[in-house]
Amino acid sequence: MNEMKNILMERMADNLPVLRKKAELTQTALAELIGVSKFTILSIEKKQRKMTWNTFLSLVLVFTKNKETDKMLTLFEIYTDEFNEFIKNRDER
């Protein structure tokens, strides 16, 4: 499971600038939306900081609720069937 999380977080980090721009969000606006600093977003985009799982989940929520970026998460293999099953079945564990 940790390997899957790491892969998904890497994919999100790799595509974060594109997703953010498509959603018409500045680094500052996105940071405020998910409760982190602008420096955190900047550091993730520059690959100077590893994304946390909580940040990843916050970004998934933001980008799945945006009609411009929702389908891109699937295209970039960030929102996968495996991830969806993991989220749906948390109560069963």
N, C-alpha and C. Protein backbone atom coordinates (compact mmCIF):
# COMPACT_ATOMS: atom_id res chain seq x y z
N MET A 1 0.82 -1.20 0.00
CA MET A 1 0.00 0.00 0.00
C MET A 1 0.87 1.27 0.00
N ASN A 2 1.95 1.25 0.78
CA ASN A 2 2.83 2.42 0.81
C ASN A 2 3.44 2.70 -0.55
N GLU A 3 3.75 1.63 -1.29
CA GLU A 3 4.31 1.82 -2.63
C GLU A 3 3.30 2.51 -3.53
N MET A 4 2.03 2.09 -3.45
CA MET A 4 0.99 2.72 -4.26
C MET A 4 0.86 4.20 -3.88
N LYS A 5 0.86 4.50 -2.60
CA LYS A 5 0.75 5.88 -2.15
C LYS A 5 1.90 6.72 -2.71
N ASN A 6 3.12 6.20 -2.61
CA ASN A 6 4.28 6.93 -3.10
C ASN A 6 4.19 7.20 -4.60
N ILE A 7 3.75 6.21 -5.36
CA ILE A 7 3.61 6.38 -6.81
C ILE A 7 2.56 7.45 -7.12
N LEU A 8 1.43 7.39 -6.43
CA LEU A 8 0.36 8.37 -6.67
C LEU A 8 0.81 9.78 -6.30
N MET A 9 1.53 9.90 -5.18
CA MET A 9 2.02 11.22 -4.77
C MET A 9 3.04 11.76 -5.76
N GLU A 10 3.90 10.89 -6.28
CA GLU A 10 4.87 11.32 -7.29
C GLU A 10 4.17 11.79 -8.56
N ARG A 11 3.16 11.06 -8.98
CA ARG A 11 2.42 11.46 -10.18
C ARG A 11 1.73 12.80 -9.97
N MET A 12 1.17 13.00 -8.78
CA MET A 12 0.52 14.29 -8.49
C MET A 12 1.55 15.40 -8.52
N ALA A 13 2.70 15.18 -7.90
CA ALA A 13 3.75 16.20 -7.88
C ALA A 13 4.23 16.52 -9.29
N ASP A 14 4.41 15.48 -10.11
CA ASP A 14 4.87 15.68 -11.49
C ASP A 14 3.90 16.53 -12.30
N ASN A 15 2.62 16.38 -12.03
CA ASN A 15 1.58 17.05 -12.82
C ASN A 15 0.94 18.24 -12.13
N LEU A 16 1.40 18.55 -10.93
CA LEU A 16 0.77 19.64 -10.16
C LEU A 16 0.77 20.98 -10.89
N PRO A 17 1.86 21.40 -11.50
CA PRO A 17 1.81 22.70 -12.19
C PRO A 17 0.75 22.74 -13.30
N VAL A 18 0.63 21.67 -14.05
CA VAL A 18 -0.36 21.62 -15.14
C VAL A 18 -1.78 21.63 -14.57
N LEU A 19 -2.02 20.81 -13.56
CA LEU A 19 -3.35 20.76 -12.95
C LEU A 19 -3.73 22.10 -12.34
N ARG A 20 -2.79 22.69 -11.63
CA ARG A 20 -3.05 23.98 -10.98
C ARG A 20 -3.38 25.06 -12.00
N LYS A 21 -2.61 25.11 -13.07
CA LYS A 21 -2.85 26.12 -14.11
C LYS A 21 -4.17 25.87 -14.82
N LYS A 22 -4.49 24.62 -15.09
CA LYS A 22 -5.75 24.29 -15.76
C LYS A 22 -6.94 24.68 -14.87
N ALA A 23 -6.76 24.56 -13.56
CA ALA A 23 -7.81 24.95 -12.61
C ALA A 23 -7.81 26.46 -12.35
N GLU A 24 -6.87 27.16 -13.00
CA GLU A 24 -6.72 28.60 -12.85
C GLU A 24 -6.48 29.01 -11.40
N LEU A 25 -5.57 28.27 -10.75
CA LEU A 25 -5.20 28.55 -9.37
C LEU A 25 -3.73 28.94 -9.30
N THR A 26 -3.44 30.01 -8.61
CA THR A 26 -2.05 30.37 -8.33
C THR A 26 -1.54 29.44 -7.24
N GLN A 27 -0.24 29.43 -7.04
CA GLN A 27 0.31 28.65 -5.93
C GLN A 27 -0.27 29.12 -4.61
N THR A 28 -0.40 30.41 -4.46
CA THR A 28 -0.95 30.98 -3.23
C THR A 28 -2.41 30.56 -3.02
N ALA A 29 -3.22 30.66 -4.07
CA ALA A 29 -4.63 30.29 -3.95
C ALA A 29 -4.80 28.81 -3.63
N LEU A 30 -4.01 27.96 -4.29
CA LEU A 30 -4.10 26.53 -4.02
C LEU A 30 -3.65 26.23 -2.60
N ALA A 31 -2.58 26.86 -2.18
CA ALA A 31 -2.09 26.66 -0.81
C ALA A 31 -3.14 27.04 0.22
N GLU A 32 -3.77 28.18 0.02
CA GLU A 32 -4.82 28.61 0.95
C GLU A 32 -6.00 27.65 0.95
N LEU A 33 -6.34 27.14 -0.21
CA LEU A 33 -7.46 26.22 -0.35
C LEU A 33 -7.26 24.93 0.42
N ILE A 34 -6.03 24.42 0.42
CA ILE A 34 -5.78 23.13 1.09
C ILE A 34 -5.10 23.27 2.45
N GLY A 35 -4.83 24.50 2.87
CA GLY A 35 -4.30 24.73 4.21
C GLY A 35 -2.81 24.50 4.39
N VAL A 36 -2.04 24.80 3.35
CA VAL A 36 -0.58 24.74 3.45
C VAL A 36 -0.02 26.08 3.01
N SER A 37 1.29 26.23 3.12
CA SER A 37 1.91 27.48 2.70
C SER A 37 2.20 27.47 1.20
N LYS A 38 2.34 28.66 0.64
CA LYS A 38 2.72 28.77 -0.77
C LYS A 38 4.07 28.10 -0.98
N PHE A 39 4.96 28.22 0.00
CA PHE A 39 6.28 27.61 -0.08
C PHE A 39 6.17 26.09 -0.22
N THR A 40 5.19 25.48 0.44
CA THR A 40 4.97 24.04 0.33
C THR A 40 4.63 23.66 -1.10
N ILE A 41 3.71 24.40 -1.71
CA ILE A 41 3.32 24.13 -3.10
C ILE A 41 4.53 24.34 -4.02
N LEU A 42 5.22 25.43 -3.84
CA LEU A 42 6.41 25.73 -4.64
C LEU A 42 7.46 24.62 -4.51
N SER A 43 7.72 24.18 -3.29
CA SER A 43 8.72 23.14 -3.04
C SER A 43 8.33 21.81 -3.66
N ILE A 44 7.04 21.49 -3.62
CA ILE A 44 6.57 20.24 -4.23
C ILE A 44 6.73 20.32 -5.75
N GLU A 45 6.35 21.44 -6.32
CA GLU A 45 6.46 21.61 -7.77
C GLU A 45 7.90 21.58 -8.24
N LYS A 46 8.83 22.06 -7.43
CA LYS A 46 10.25 22.08 -7.80
C LYS A 46 10.96 20.79 -7.37
N LYS A 47 10.21 19.84 -6.84
CA LYS A 47 10.75 18.55 -6.38
C LYS A 47 11.78 18.72 -5.24
N GLN A 48 11.60 19.76 -4.44
CA GLN A 48 12.47 19.99 -3.30
C GLN A 48 11.87 19.43 -2.02
N ARG A 49 10.61 19.07 -2.07
CA ARG A 49 9.91 18.54 -0.90
C ARG A 49 8.98 17.44 -1.37
N LYS A 50 8.93 16.36 -0.59
CA LYS A 50 8.01 15.28 -0.90
C LYS A 50 6.62 15.64 -0.37
N MET A 51 5.63 15.34 -1.16
CA MET A 51 4.25 15.59 -0.78
C MET A 51 3.82 14.62 0.33
N THR A 52 3.02 15.10 1.26
CA THR A 52 2.46 14.21 2.28
C THR A 52 1.18 13.58 1.75
N TRP A 53 0.76 12.49 2.37
CA TRP A 53 -0.48 11.82 1.97
C TRP A 53 -1.67 12.76 2.19
N ASN A 54 -1.67 13.51 3.27
CA ASN A 54 -2.77 14.45 3.53
C ASN A 54 -2.85 15.53 2.46
N THR A 55 -1.71 16.03 2.04
CA THR A 55 -1.70 17.01 0.96
C THR A 55 -2.21 16.39 -0.32
N PHE A 56 -1.77 15.18 -0.61
CA PHE A 56 -2.24 14.47 -1.79
C PHE A 56 -3.77 14.35 -1.78
N LEU A 57 -4.33 13.90 -0.66
CA LEU A 57 -5.78 13.73 -0.57
C LEU A 57 -6.51 15.06 -0.74
N SER A 58 -5.95 16.12 -0.18
CA SER A 58 -6.55 17.45 -0.35
C SER A 58 -6.53 17.88 -1.81
N LEU A 59 -5.42 17.63 -2.48
CA LEU A 59 -5.31 17.99 -3.90
C LEU A 59 -6.27 17.17 -4.76
N VAL A 60 -6.41 15.89 -4.45
CA VAL A 60 -7.37 15.05 -5.18
C VAL A 60 -8.77 15.64 -5.04
N LEU A 61 -9.14 16.03 -3.84
CA LEU A 61 -10.46 16.61 -3.62
C LEU A 61 -10.65 17.88 -4.46
N VAL A 62 -9.67 18.75 -4.42
CA VAL A 62 -9.75 20.01 -5.18
C VAL A 62 -9.89 19.73 -6.67
N PHE A 63 -9.03 18.87 -7.19
CA PHE A 63 -8.99 18.65 -8.63
C PHE A 63 -10.13 17.76 -9.15
N THR A 64 -10.70 16.91 -8.31
CA THR A 64 -11.87 16.13 -8.76
C THR A 64 -13.13 16.99 -8.76
N LYS A 65 -13.14 18.05 -8.01
CA LYS A 65 -14.30 18.93 -7.95
C LYS A 65 -14.23 20.05 -8.98
N ASN A 66 -13.17 20.07 -9.77
CA ASN A 66 -13.01 21.08 -10.81
C ASN A 66 -13.25 20.42 -12.17
N LYS A 67 -14.21 20.93 -12.94
CA LYS A 67 -14.56 20.28 -14.21
C LYS A 67 -13.42 20.30 -15.22
N GLU A 68 -12.48 21.24 -15.07
CA GLU A 68 -11.35 21.33 -15.99
C GLU A 68 -10.27 20.29 -15.69
N THR A 69 -10.19 19.84 -14.45
CA THR A 69 -9.10 18.93 -14.06
C THR A 69 -9.55 17.53 -13.67
N ASP A 70 -10.83 17.33 -13.46
CA ASP A 70 -11.34 16.04 -13.00
C ASP A 70 -10.85 14.87 -13.87
N LYS A 71 -11.05 14.96 -15.15
CA LYS A 71 -10.67 13.87 -16.06
C LYS A 71 -9.15 13.75 -16.21
N MET A 72 -8.45 14.84 -15.97
CA MET A 72 -6.99 14.81 -16.07
C MET A 72 -6.37 13.90 -15.01
N LEU A 73 -7.02 13.79 -13.84
CA LEU A 73 -6.49 12.92 -12.79
C LEU A 73 -6.45 11.46 -13.25
N THR A 74 -7.46 11.06 -14.00
CA THR A 74 -7.48 9.71 -14.55
C THR A 74 -6.45 9.59 -15.67
N LEU A 75 -6.40 10.57 -16.53
CA LEU A 75 -5.45 10.57 -17.64
C LEU A 75 -4.01 10.48 -17.15
N PHE A 76 -3.70 11.18 -16.06
CA PHE A 76 -2.35 11.17 -15.49
C PHE A 76 -2.12 10.00 -14.54
N GLU A 77 -3.09 9.11 -14.45
CA GLU A 77 -3.04 7.92 -13.58
C GLU A 77 -2.80 8.29 -12.12
N ILE A 78 -3.49 9.34 -11.68
CA ILE A 78 -3.45 9.76 -10.28
C ILE A 78 -4.67 9.20 -9.56
N TYR A 79 -5.83 9.36 -10.18
CA TYR A 79 -7.06 8.79 -9.62
C TYR A 79 -7.30 7.48 -10.35
N THR A 80 -6.77 6.39 -9.76
CA THR A 80 -6.83 5.08 -10.39
C THR A 80 -7.92 4.23 -9.77
N ASP A 81 -8.24 3.14 -10.43
CA ASP A 81 -9.21 2.19 -9.86
C ASP A 81 -8.71 1.65 -8.52
N GLU A 82 -7.41 1.38 -8.44
CA GLU A 82 -6.83 0.86 -7.20
C GLU A 82 -6.97 1.88 -6.06
N PHE A 83 -6.71 3.14 -6.36
CA PHE A 83 -6.88 4.20 -5.36
C PHE A 83 -8.35 4.31 -4.96
N ASN A 84 -9.24 4.28 -5.92
CA ASN A 84 -10.67 4.37 -5.64
C ASN A 84 -11.12 3.23 -4.73
N GLU A 85 -10.67 2.01 -5.01
CA GLU A 85 -11.03 0.86 -4.17
C GLU A 85 -10.46 1.02 -2.77
N PHE A 86 -9.25 1.51 -2.68
CA PHE A 86 -8.62 1.74 -1.37
C PHE A 86 -9.46 2.71 -0.54
N ILE A 87 -9.89 3.79 -1.14
CA ILE A 87 -10.69 4.80 -0.44
C ILE A 87 -12.07 4.23 -0.07
N LYS A 88 -12.71 3.56 -1.00
CA LYS A 88 -14.06 3.03 -0.74
C LYS A 88 -14.08 1.96 0.34
N ASN A 89 -13.02 1.16 0.44
CA ASN A 89 -13.02 0.02 1.34
C ASN A 89 -12.33 0.26 2.66
N ARG A 90 -12.06 1.51 3.00
CA ARG A 90 -11.38 1.81 4.27
C ARG A 90 -12.18 1.33 5.47
N ASP A 91 -13.50 1.38 5.42
CA ASP A 91 -14.32 0.98 6.56
C ASP A 91 -14.32 -0.52 6.77
N GLU A 92 -13.97 -1.27 5.76
CA GLU A 92 -14.01 -2.72 5.84
C GLU A 92 -12.74 -3.31 6.43
N ARG A 93 -11.75 -2.49 6.71
CA ARG A 93 -10.47 -3.00 7.22
C ARG A 93 -10.42 -2.98 8.72
